[in-house]
C-alpha cells in the first residue's frame, strides 16, 4: 500500500479512505496501485467483517486524473489479465465485489467516471442527495473500462445506462438511487454506512460471507444450480459454533460473541 489509501480497523469494521483530497481523489498510477493493494490486504484480514469505502475531502473520487493522462497516461497496462479476470484498472472496482465480506461505499461530493465504477464494486452505496455523478468517459473520447459494464448490468436499466454513457450527462444522488446506481440517499452517508457496517459486524461472520458469496456466484446460474448453491452454503454454516451462538444470543437477549 501507499499513502493514497488509508485503512483503520475498529470493532471488526475496516474504514478505507481514498486519500488524495487535494485532487478530489482523482486516479493516477499511485492511486490505482494503492486501491488494489488495500483491497488485497483486506482479502485475508482476519477479524474484518465489513468494509466502509469513502473519500477524504470534497469528493468520493473525481475519476481519472486527466493532467496525469495528458502528460503520458496512467502507466497502467490494460491488455493483459494481470489480476485474475481483470487488469489493474478494472481491479480497483472489482476487488470490492470480490472481497469475502460486505463492502459499503459512502459517496459524497463528486463521483465521476472511474470513481463511479469503484463505488459500484461495493455491495451497496449510501449517497448524499447533492452528489454529482457521471459516466464521464465519453467526454474524453473513451469508453467505461473499469468494471462498470460488469457491475451496472445487475442494477441499472439498460436504456438509462446507454443514455448516460453516450451523453456523459450529470445526475444527482436522488437520481442515482432511482436509476439503480445507489442504494439510499442520506445527508450524512459516511455515518449511515458506518451504522450499517456495525449491524453487519454483529452477525455471524461465516453466514455473512456465505451470503455474499451466493450473491456473487448465482447471478448467471440457472435455477437448479442456484438452489443447489443455497443448500451447499447452508450446510457449511448450520450447526457450527457461530450459528449456534447466533441462536443462543438471540434467545438470551444478549450480544453475540463470534469467532472469526
C-alpha atoms as a PDB file:
ATOM      1  CA  UNK A   1       0.000   0.000   0.000  1.00  0.00           C
ATOM      2  CA  UNK A   2       0.947   3.661  -0.233  1.00  0.00           C
ATOM      3  CA  UNK A   3      -0.272   6.897   1.325  1.00  0.00           C
ATOM      4  CA  UNK A   4      -3.018   7.309  -1.308  1.00  0.00           C
ATOM      5  CA  UNK A   5      -5.311   4.964   0.640  1.00  0.00           C
ATOM      6  CA  UNK A   6      -5.707   4.577   4.397  1.00  0.00           C
ATOM      7  CA  UNK A   7      -7.203   1.699   6.390  1.00  0.00           C
ATOM      8  CA  UNK A   8      -8.348   1.852  10.008  1.00  0.00           C
ATOM      9  CA  UNK A   9      -9.830  -1.267  11.597  1.00  0.00           C
ATOM     10  CA  UNK A  10     -12.025  -0.994  14.676  1.00  0.00           C
ATOM     11  CA  UNK A  11     -14.795  -3.217  16.042  1.00  0.00           C
ATOM     12  CA  UNK A  12     -14.442  -5.575  13.055  1.00  0.00           C
ATOM     13  CA  UNK A  13     -15.067  -2.759  10.542  1.00  0.00           C
ATOM     14  CA  UNK A  14     -12.375  -1.584   8.110  1.00  0.00           C
ATOM     15  CA  UNK A  15     -12.660   2.136   7.378  1.00  0.00           C
ATOM     16  CA  UNK A  16     -10.991   2.600   3.965  1.00  0.00           C
ATOM     17  CA  UNK A  17     -10.397   6.155   2.709  1.00  0.00           C
ATOM     18  CA  UNK A  18      -9.211   7.322  -0.695  1.00  0.00           C
ATOM     19  CA  UNK A  19      -6.652   9.866   0.420  1.00  0.00           C
ATOM     20  CA  UNK A  20      -5.784  12.372  -2.294  1.00  0.00           C
ATOM     21  CA  UNK A  21      -8.120  15.178  -1.226  1.00  0.00           C
ATOM     22  CA  UNK A  22      -6.203  17.982  -2.945  1.00  0.00           C
ATOM     23  CA  UNK A  23      -7.088  16.328  -6.292  1.00  0.00           C
ATOM     24  CA  UNK A  24     -10.570  15.145  -5.250  1.00  0.00           C
ATOM     25  CA  UNK A  25      -9.121  11.627  -5.085  1.00  0.00           C
ATOM     26  CA  UNK A  26      -8.568  11.569  -8.851  1.00  0.00           C
ATOM     27  CA  UNK A  27      -6.991   8.404 -10.189  1.00  0.00           C
ATOM     28  CA  UNK A  28      -3.388   8.187 -11.325  1.00  0.00           C
ATOM     29  CA  UNK A  29      -0.811   5.415 -11.122  1.00  0.00           C
ATOM     30  CA  UNK A  30      -0.212   5.560  -7.377  1.00  0.00           C
ATOM     31  CA  UNK A  31      -3.949   5.686  -6.670  1.00  0.00           C
ATOM     32  CA  UNK A  32      -4.612   2.603  -8.808  1.00  0.00           C
ATOM     33  CA  UNK A  33      -1.852   0.723  -7.017  1.00  0.00           C
ATOM     34  CA  UNK A  34      -2.936   1.879  -3.562  1.00  0.00           C
ATOM     35  CA  UNK A  35      -6.588   0.969  -4.050  1.00  0.00           C
ATOM     36  CA  UNK A  36      -5.784  -2.504  -5.341  1.00  0.00           C
ATOM     37  CA  UNK A  37      -3.278  -3.076  -2.539  1.00  0.00           C
ATOM     38  CA  UNK A  38      -5.851  -2.017   0.059  1.00  0.00           C
ATOM     39  CA  UNK A  39      -8.403  -4.461  -1.294  1.00  0.00           C
ATOM     40  CA  UNK A  40      -5.873  -7.274  -1.494  1.00  0.00           C
ATOM     41  CA  UNK A  41      -4.764  -6.651   2.081  1.00  0.00           C
ATOM     42  CA  UNK A  42      -8.342  -6.950   3.313  1.00  0.00           C
ATOM     43  CA  UNK A  43      -8.940 -10.162   1.363  1.00  0.00           C
ATOM     44  CA  UNK A  44      -7.278 -12.191   4.117  1.00  0.00           C
ATOM     45  CA  UNK A  45      -7.539  -9.766   7.045  1.00  0.00           C
ATOM     46  CA  UNK A  46      -8.757 -11.862   9.960  1.00  0.00           C
ATOM     47  CA  UNK A  47     -11.469 -10.254  12.035  1.00  0.00           C
ATOM     48  CA  UNK A  48     -12.765  -7.800   9.406  1.00  0.00           C
ATOM     49  CA  UNK A  49     -16.495  -8.412   8.957  1.00  0.00           C
ATOM     50  CA  UNK A  50     -17.463  -5.290   6.989  1.00  0.00           C
ATOM     51  CA  UNK A  51     -15.726  -2.571   4.972  1.00  0.00           C
ATOM     52  CA  UNK A  52     -16.717   1.075   4.545  1.00  0.00           C
ATOM     53  CA  UNK A  53     -15.181   2.763   1.500  1.00  0.00           C
ATOM     54  CA  UNK A  54     -15.171   6.573   1.241  1.00  0.00           C
ATOM     55  CA  UNK A  55     -13.125   9.526   0.023  1.00  0.00           C
ATOM     56  CA  UNK A  56     -11.343  12.193   2.041  1.00  0.00           C
ATOM     57  CA  UNK A  57     -12.070  15.853   1.326  1.00  0.00           C
ATOM     58  CA  UNK A  58     -14.695  17.272  -1.020  1.00  0.00           C
ATOM     59  CA  UNK A  59     -15.250  14.201  -3.200  1.00  0.00           C
ATOM     60  CA  UNK A  60     -15.530  10.465  -3.262  1.00  0.00           C
ATOM     61  CA  UNK A  61     -13.495  10.298  -6.478  1.00  0.00           C
ATOM     62  CA  UNK A  62     -13.410  12.620  -9.496  1.00  0.00           C
ATOM     63  CA  UNK A  63     -12.341   9.856 -11.895  1.00  0.00           C
ATOM     64  CA  UNK A  64      -9.183   9.816 -13.975  1.00  0.00           C
ATOM     65  CA  UNK A  65      -6.552  12.456 -13.308  1.00  0.00           C
ATOM     66  CA  UNK A  66      -6.621  13.947 -16.803  1.00  0.00           C
ATOM     67  CA  UNK A  67      -3.494  16.022 -16.153  1.00  0.00           C
ATOM     68  CA  UNK A  68      -1.649  12.781 -15.485  1.00  0.00           C
ATOM     69  CA  UNK A  69      -3.139  11.248 -18.623  1.00  0.00           C
ATOM     70  CA  UNK A  70      -2.131  14.255 -20.727  1.00  0.00           C
ATOM     71  CA  UNK A  71       1.448  14.029 -19.516  1.00  0.00           C
ATOM     72  CA  UNK A  72       1.875  10.427 -20.513  1.00  0.00           C
ATOM     73  CA  UNK A  73      -1.050   8.438 -19.207  1.00  0.00           C
ATOM     74  CA  UNK A  74      -1.631   6.450 -16.081  1.00  0.00           C
ATOM     75  CA  UNK A  75       1.066   3.955 -16.985  1.00  0.00           C
ATOM     76  CA  UNK A  76      -1.428   1.148 -16.421  1.00  0.00           C
ATOM     77  CA  UNK A  77      -1.323  -1.812 -18.810  1.00  0.00           C
ATOM     78  CA  UNK A  78      -4.837  -2.847 -19.842  1.00  0.00           C
ATOM     79  CA  UNK A  79      -4.201  -5.531 -22.456  1.00  0.00           C
ATOM     80  CA  UNK A  80      -3.296  -8.385 -20.132  1.00  0.00           C
ATOM     81  CA  UNK A  81      -5.329 -10.012 -17.369  1.00  0.00           C
ATOM     82  CA  UNK A  82      -2.875  -9.173 -14.610  1.00  0.00           C
ATOM     83  CA  UNK A  83      -5.291  -9.609 -11.670  1.00  0.00           C
ATOM     84  CA  UNK A  84      -7.316 -12.777 -12.229  1.00  0.00           C
ATOM     85  CA  UNK A  85     -10.009 -11.927 -14.785  1.00  0.00           C
ATOM     86  CA  UNK A  86      -9.191  -8.196 -14.555  1.00  0.00           C
ATOM     87  CA  UNK A  87      -6.457  -5.766 -15.486  1.00  0.00           C
ATOM     88  CA  UNK A  88      -5.320  -3.315 -12.819  1.00  0.00           C
ATOM     89  CA  UNK A  89      -7.712  -0.508 -13.791  1.00  0.00           C
ATOM     90  CA  UNK A  90     -10.650  -2.923 -13.541  1.00  0.00           C
ATOM     91  CA  UNK A  91      -9.373  -4.390 -10.299  1.00  0.00           C
ATOM     92  CA  UNK A  92      -9.852  -1.082  -8.434  1.00  0.00           C
ATOM     93  CA  UNK A  93     -13.608  -1.656  -8.795  1.00  0.00           C
ATOM     94  CA  UNK A  94     -13.826  -5.437  -8.897  1.00  0.00           C
ATOM     95  CA  UNK A  95     -11.715  -6.019  -5.779  1.00  0.00           C
ATOM     96  CA  UNK A  96     -14.533  -4.670  -3.580  1.00  0.00           C
ATOM     97  CA  UNK A  97     -17.037  -7.062  -5.158  1.00  0.00           C
ATOM     98  CA  UNK A  98     -14.553  -9.924  -4.736  1.00  0.00           C
ATOM     99  CA  UNK A  99     -13.862  -9.306  -1.038  1.00  0.00           C
ATOM    100  CA  UNK A 100     -15.475 -12.026   1.096  1.00  0.00           C
ATOM    101  CA  UNK A 101     -17.085  -9.537   3.481  1.00  0.00           C
ATOM    102  CA  UNK A 102     -19.752  -6.899   2.627  1.00  0.00           C
ATOM    103  CA  UNK A 103     -18.498  -3.515   1.419  1.00  0.00           C
ATOM    104  CA  UNK A 104     -20.456  -0.275   1.796  1.00  0.00           C
ATOM    105  CA  UNK A 105     -19.458   2.799  -0.226  1.00  0.00           C
ATOM    106  CA  UNK A 106     -20.220   6.212   1.287  1.00  0.00           C
ATOM    107  CA  UNK A 107     -20.423   8.629  -1.638  1.00  0.00           C
ATOM    108  CA  UNK A 108     -20.377  12.421  -1.483  1.00  0.00           C
ATOM    109  CA  UNK A 109     -19.323  15.462  -3.493  1.00  0.00           C
ATOM    110  CA  UNK A 110     -18.083  14.273  -6.892  1.00  0.00           C
ATOM    111  CA  UNK A 111     -18.281  10.724  -8.236  1.00  0.00           C
ATOM    112  CA  UNK A 112     -17.280  10.757 -11.892  1.00  0.00           C
ATOM    113  CA  UNK A 113     -16.069   8.117 -14.329  1.00  0.00           C
ATOM    114  CA  UNK A 114     -13.723   5.693 -12.620  1.00  0.00           C
ATOM    115  CA  UNK A 115     -14.947   6.897  -9.232  1.00  0.00           C
ATOM    116  CA  UNK A 116     -18.478   5.758 -10.072  1.00  0.00           C
ATOM    117  CA  UNK A 117     -17.140   2.384 -11.189  1.00  0.00           C
ATOM    118  CA  UNK A 118     -15.158   1.966  -7.957  1.00  0.00           C
ATOM    119  CA  UNK A 119     -18.249   2.755  -5.871  1.00  0.00           C
ATOM    120  CA  UNK A 120     -20.244   0.296  -7.986  1.00  0.00           C
ATOM    121  CA  UNK A 121     -17.959  -2.520  -6.835  1.00  0.00           C
ATOM    122  CA  UNK A 122     -19.346  -2.203  -3.303  1.00  0.00           C
ATOM    123  CA  UNK A 123     -22.297  -4.285  -2.117  1.00  0.00           C
ATOM    124  CA  UNK A 124     -24.271  -1.091  -1.510  1.00  0.00           C
ATOM    125  CA  UNK A 125     -23.829   2.643  -1.934  1.00  0.00           C
ATOM    126  CA  UNK A 126     -25.051   5.291   0.508  1.00  0.00           C
ATOM    127  CA  UNK A 127     -25.067   8.671  -1.229  1.00  0.00           C
ATOM    128  CA  UNK A 128     -25.734  12.293  -0.360  1.00  0.00           C
ATOM    129  CA  UNK A 129     -28.543  13.918  -2.365  1.00  0.00           C
ATOM    130  CA  UNK A 130     -26.351  16.653  -3.829  1.00  0.00           C
ATOM    131  CA  UNK A 131     -23.598  14.315  -5.060  1.00  0.00           C
ATOM    132  CA  UNK A 132     -22.693  14.910  -8.713  1.00  0.00           C
ATOM    133  CA  UNK A 133     -22.252  11.744 -10.755  1.00  0.00           C
ATOM    134  CA  UNK A 134     -21.425  10.977 -14.357  1.00  0.00           C
ATOM    135  CA  UNK A 135     -20.321   8.145 -16.586  1.00  0.00           C
ATOM    136  CA  UNK A 136     -17.727  10.599 -17.782  1.00  0.00           C
ATOM    137  CA  UNK A 137     -15.520   8.612 -20.160  1.00  0.00           C
ATOM    138  CA  UNK A 138     -17.209   9.599 -23.436  1.00  0.00           C
ATOM    139  CA  UNK A 139     -16.354  13.245 -22.738  1.00  0.00           C
ATOM    140  CA  UNK A 140     -12.706  12.277 -23.192  1.00  0.00           C
ATOM    141  CA  UNK A 141     -13.332  10.009 -26.177  1.00  0.00           C
ATOM    142  CA  UNK A 142     -13.097   6.853 -24.051  1.00  0.00           C
ATOM    143  CA  UNK A 143     -15.380   4.011 -23.047  1.00  0.00           C
ATOM    144  CA  UNK A 144     -16.035   2.947 -19.429  1.00  0.00           C
ATOM    145  CA  UNK A 145     -13.472   0.183 -18.857  1.00  0.00           C
ATOM    146  CA  UNK A 146     -13.008  -0.118 -15.096  1.00  0.00           C
ATOM    147  CA  UNK A 147     -15.598  -2.807 -14.438  1.00  0.00           C
ATOM    148  CA  UNK A 148     -18.682  -0.665 -14.996  1.00  0.00           C
ATOM    149  CA  UNK A 149     -20.269  -2.877 -17.632  1.00  0.00           C
ATOM    150  CA  UNK A 150     -19.870  -5.934 -15.392  1.00  0.00           C
ATOM    151  CA  UNK A 151     -21.289  -4.157 -12.336  1.00  0.00           C
ATOM    152  CA  UNK A 152     -24.025  -1.870 -13.674  1.00  0.00           C
ATOM    153  CA  UNK A 153     -25.809  -4.577 -15.671  1.00  0.00           C
ATOM    154  CA  UNK A 154     -27.056  -6.056 -12.418  1.00  0.00           C
ATOM    155  CA  UNK A 155     -28.690  -2.852 -11.203  1.00  0.00           C
ATOM    156  CA  UNK A 156     -29.325  -0.223 -13.883  1.00  0.00           C
ATOM    157  CA  UNK A 157     -31.982  -0.352 -16.601  1.00  0.00           C
ATOM    158  CA  UNK A 158     -30.166  -0.719 -19.901  1.00  0.00           C
ATOM    159  CA  UNK A 159     -31.725   2.193 -21.807  1.00  0.00           C
ATOM    160  CA  UNK A 160     -30.939   4.566 -18.932  1.00  0.00           C
ATOM    161  CA  UNK A 161     -27.398   3.227 -18.794  1.00  0.00           C
ATOM    162  CA  UNK A 162     -26.949   3.693 -22.544  1.00  0.00           C
ATOM    163  CA  UNK A 163     -28.199   7.291 -22.409  1.00  0.00           C
ATOM    164  CA  UNK A 164     -25.888   8.230 -19.551  1.00  0.00           C
ATOM    165  CA  UNK A 165     -22.917   6.502 -21.192  1.00  0.00           C
ATOM    166  CA  UNK A 166     -23.437   8.060 -24.619  1.00  0.00           C
ATOM    167  CA  UNK A 167     -24.119  11.600 -23.331  1.00  0.00           C
ATOM    168  CA  UNK A 168     -21.952  11.659 -20.143  1.00  0.00           C
ATOM    169  CA  UNK A 169     -24.800  13.667 -18.575  1.00  0.00           C
ATOM    170  CA  UNK A 170     -24.515  14.524 -14.892  1.00  0.00           C
ATOM    171  CA  UNK A 171     -27.056  13.239 -12.395  1.00  0.00           C
ATOM    172  CA  UNK A 172     -27.505  13.624  -8.647  1.00  0.00           C
ATOM    173  CA  UNK A 173     -27.755  11.326  -5.658  1.00  0.00           C
ATOM    174  CA  UNK A 174     -31.535  11.041  -5.721  1.00  0.00           C
ATOM    175  CA  UNK A 175     -31.466  10.116  -9.401  1.00  0.00           C
ATOM    176  CA  UNK A 176     -28.687   7.628  -8.678  1.00  0.00           C
ATOM    177  CA  UNK A 177     -30.989   5.788  -6.284  1.00  0.00           C
ATOM    178  CA  UNK A 178     -33.944   5.983  -8.666  1.00  0.00           C
ATOM    179  CA  UNK A 179     -31.897   4.550 -11.553  1.00  0.00           C
ATOM    180  CA  UNK A 180     -30.096   1.825  -9.612  1.00  0.00           C
ATOM    181  CA  UNK A 181     -26.604   3.267  -9.165  1.00  0.00           C
ATOM    182  CA  UNK A 182     -27.043   3.772  -5.407  1.00  0.00           C
ATOM    183  CA  UNK A 183     -28.892   2.122  -2.541  1.00  0.00           C
ATOM    184  CA  UNK A 184     -30.197   5.008  -0.443  1.00  0.00           C
ATOM    185  CA  UNK A 185     -29.885   8.760  -0.032  1.00  0.00           C
ATOM    186  CA  UNK A 186     -28.585  10.175   3.248  1.00  0.00           C
ATOM    187  CA  UNK A 187     -27.404  13.649   4.197  1.00  0.00           C
ATOM    188  CA  UNK A 188     -24.536  12.021   6.137  1.00  0.00           C
ATOM    189  CA  UNK A 189     -23.613   8.997   4.023  1.00  0.00           C
ATOM    190  CA  UNK A 190     -20.475   8.035   5.942  1.00  0.00           C
ATOM    191  CA  UNK A 191     -22.304   7.942   9.270  1.00  0.00           C
ATOM    192  CA  UNK A 192     -25.071   5.819   7.750  1.00  0.00           C
ATOM    193  CA  UNK A 193     -22.535   3.478   6.114  1.00  0.00           C
ATOM    194  CA  UNK A 194     -20.825   3.011   9.466  1.00  0.00           C
ATOM    195  CA  UNK A 195     -24.193   2.283  11.087  1.00  0.00           C
ATOM    196  CA  UNK A 196     -24.937  -0.467   8.562  1.00  0.00           C
ATOM    197  CA  UNK A 197     -21.407  -1.842   8.887  1.00  0.00           C
ATOM    198  CA  UNK A 198     -21.830  -2.114  12.675  1.00  0.00           C
ATOM    199  CA  UNK A 199     -25.002  -4.170  12.192  1.00  0.00           C
ATOM    200  CA  UNK A 200     -23.209  -6.483   9.748  1.00  0.00           C
ATOM    201  CA  UNK A 201     -20.236  -6.828  12.093  1.00  0.00           C
ATOM    202  CA  UNK A 202     -22.595  -8.014  14.853  1.00  0.00           C
ATOM    203  CA  UNK A 203     -23.825 -11.005  12.813  1.00  0.00           C
ATOM    204  CA  UNK A 204     -22.373 -14.462  12.204  1.00  0.00           C
ATOM    205  CA  UNK A 205     -19.346 -13.715  10.004  1.00  0.00           C
ATOM    206  CA  UNK A 206     -19.416 -17.164   8.394  1.00  0.00           C
ATOM    207  CA  UNK A 207     -23.035 -16.764   7.337  1.00  0.00           C
ATOM    208  CA  UNK A 208     -22.376 -13.221   6.118  1.00  0.00           C
ATOM    209  CA  UNK A 209     -19.529 -14.355   3.874  1.00  0.00           C
ATOM    210  CA  UNK A 210     -21.561 -17.255   2.530  1.00  0.00           C
ATOM    211  CA  UNK A 211     -24.435 -14.870   1.770  1.00  0.00           C
ATOM    212  CA  UNK A 212     -22.156 -12.543  -0.178  1.00  0.00           C
ATOM    213  CA  UNK A 213     -20.616 -15.494  -1.975  1.00  0.00           C
ATOM    214  CA  UNK A 214     -24.085 -16.607  -3.070  1.00  0.00           C
ATOM    215  CA  UNK A 215     -24.891 -13.164  -4.449  1.00  0.00           C
ATOM    216  CA  UNK A 216     -21.657 -13.149  -6.429  1.00  0.00           C
ATOM    217  CA  UNK A 217     -21.851 -16.726  -7.682  1.00  0.00           C
ATOM    218  CA  UNK A 218     -25.510 -17.099  -8.596  1.00  0.00           C
ATOM    219  CA  UNK A 219     -26.065 -14.068 -10.808  1.00  0.00           C
ATOM    220  CA  UNK A 220     -25.660 -16.083 -14.026  1.00  0.00           C
ATOM    221  CA  UNK A 221     -26.658 -19.552 -12.770  1.00  0.00           C
ATOM    222  CA  UNK A 222     -29.779 -21.369 -13.837  1.00  0.00           C
ATOM    223  CA  UNK A 223     -32.451 -22.071 -11.224  1.00  0.00           C
ATOM    224  CA  UNK A 224     -31.368 -25.611 -10.345  1.00  0.00           C
ATOM    225  CA  UNK A 225     -27.775 -24.519  -9.762  1.00  0.00           C
ATOM    226  CA  UNK A 226     -28.913 -21.599  -7.587  1.00  0.00           C
ATOM    227  CA  UNK A 227     -30.997 -23.913  -5.425  1.00  0.00           C
ATOM    228  CA  UNK A 228     -28.060 -26.300  -5.030  1.00  0.00           C
ATOM    229  CA  UNK A 229     -25.683 -23.435  -4.194  1.00  0.00           C
ATOM    230  CA  UNK A 230     -28.059 -22.237  -1.455  1.00  0.00           C
ATOM    231  CA  UNK A 231     -28.108 -25.685   0.129  1.00  0.00           C
ATOM    232  CA  UNK A 232     -24.348 -26.095  -0.110  1.00  0.00           C
ATOM    233  CA  UNK A 233     -23.780 -22.725   1.568  1.00  0.00           C
ATOM    234  CA  UNK A 234     -26.228 -23.520   4.353  1.00  0.00           C
ATOM    235  CA  UNK A 235     -24.531 -26.849   5.049  1.00  0.00           C
ATOM    236  CA  UNK A 236     -21.245 -25.010   5.527  1.00  0.00           C
ATOM    237  CA  UNK A 237     -22.864 -22.768   8.179  1.00  0.00           C
ATOM    238  CA  UNK A 238     -25.582 -24.651  10.017  1.00  0.00           C
ATOM    239  CA  UNK A 239     -24.843 -26.140  13.432  1.00  0.00           C
ATOM    240  CA  UNK A 240     -21.363 -24.668  13.511  1.00  0.00           C
ATOM    241  CA  UNK A 241     -20.391 -22.834  16.739  1.00  0.00           C
ATOM    242  CA  UNK A 242     -21.059 -19.361  15.304  1.00  0.00           C
ATOM    243  CA  UNK A 243     -24.519 -20.337  14.102  1.00  0.00           C
ATOM    244  CA  UNK A 244     -25.348 -21.880  17.471  1.00  0.00           C
ATOM    245  CA  UNK A 245     -24.085 -18.726  19.187  1.00  0.00           C
ATOM    246  CA  UNK A 246     -26.325 -16.605  16.940  1.00  0.00           C
ATOM    247  CA  UNK A 247     -29.373 -18.538  18.121  1.00  0.00           C
ATOM    248  CA  UNK A 248     -28.369 -18.564  21.780  1.00  0.00           C
ATOM    249  CA  UNK A 249     -27.598 -14.862  21.884  1.00  0.00           C
ATOM    250  CA  UNK A 250     -30.997 -14.024  20.399  1.00  0.00           C
ATOM    251  CA  UNK A 251     -32.830 -16.280  22.826  1.00  0.00           C
ATOM    252  CA  UNK A 252     -30.846 -14.928  25.775  1.00  0.00           C
ATOM    253  CA  UNK A 253     -31.231 -11.320  24.572  1.00  0.00           C
ATOM    254  CA  UNK A 254     -27.507 -10.550  24.681  1.00  0.00           C
ATOM    255  CA  UNK A 255     -24.731  -9.576  22.292  1.00  0.00           C
ATOM    256  CA  UNK A 256     -23.236 -12.490  20.430  1.00  0.00           C
ATOM    257  CA  UNK A 257     -19.579 -13.454  20.635  1.00  0.00           C
ATOM    258  CA  UNK A 258     -18.412 -14.861  17.325  1.00  0.00           C
ATOM    259  CA  UNK A 259     -15.108 -16.413  16.267  1.00  0.00           C
ATOM    260  CA  UNK A 260     -13.620 -15.129  13.001  1.00  0.00           C
END
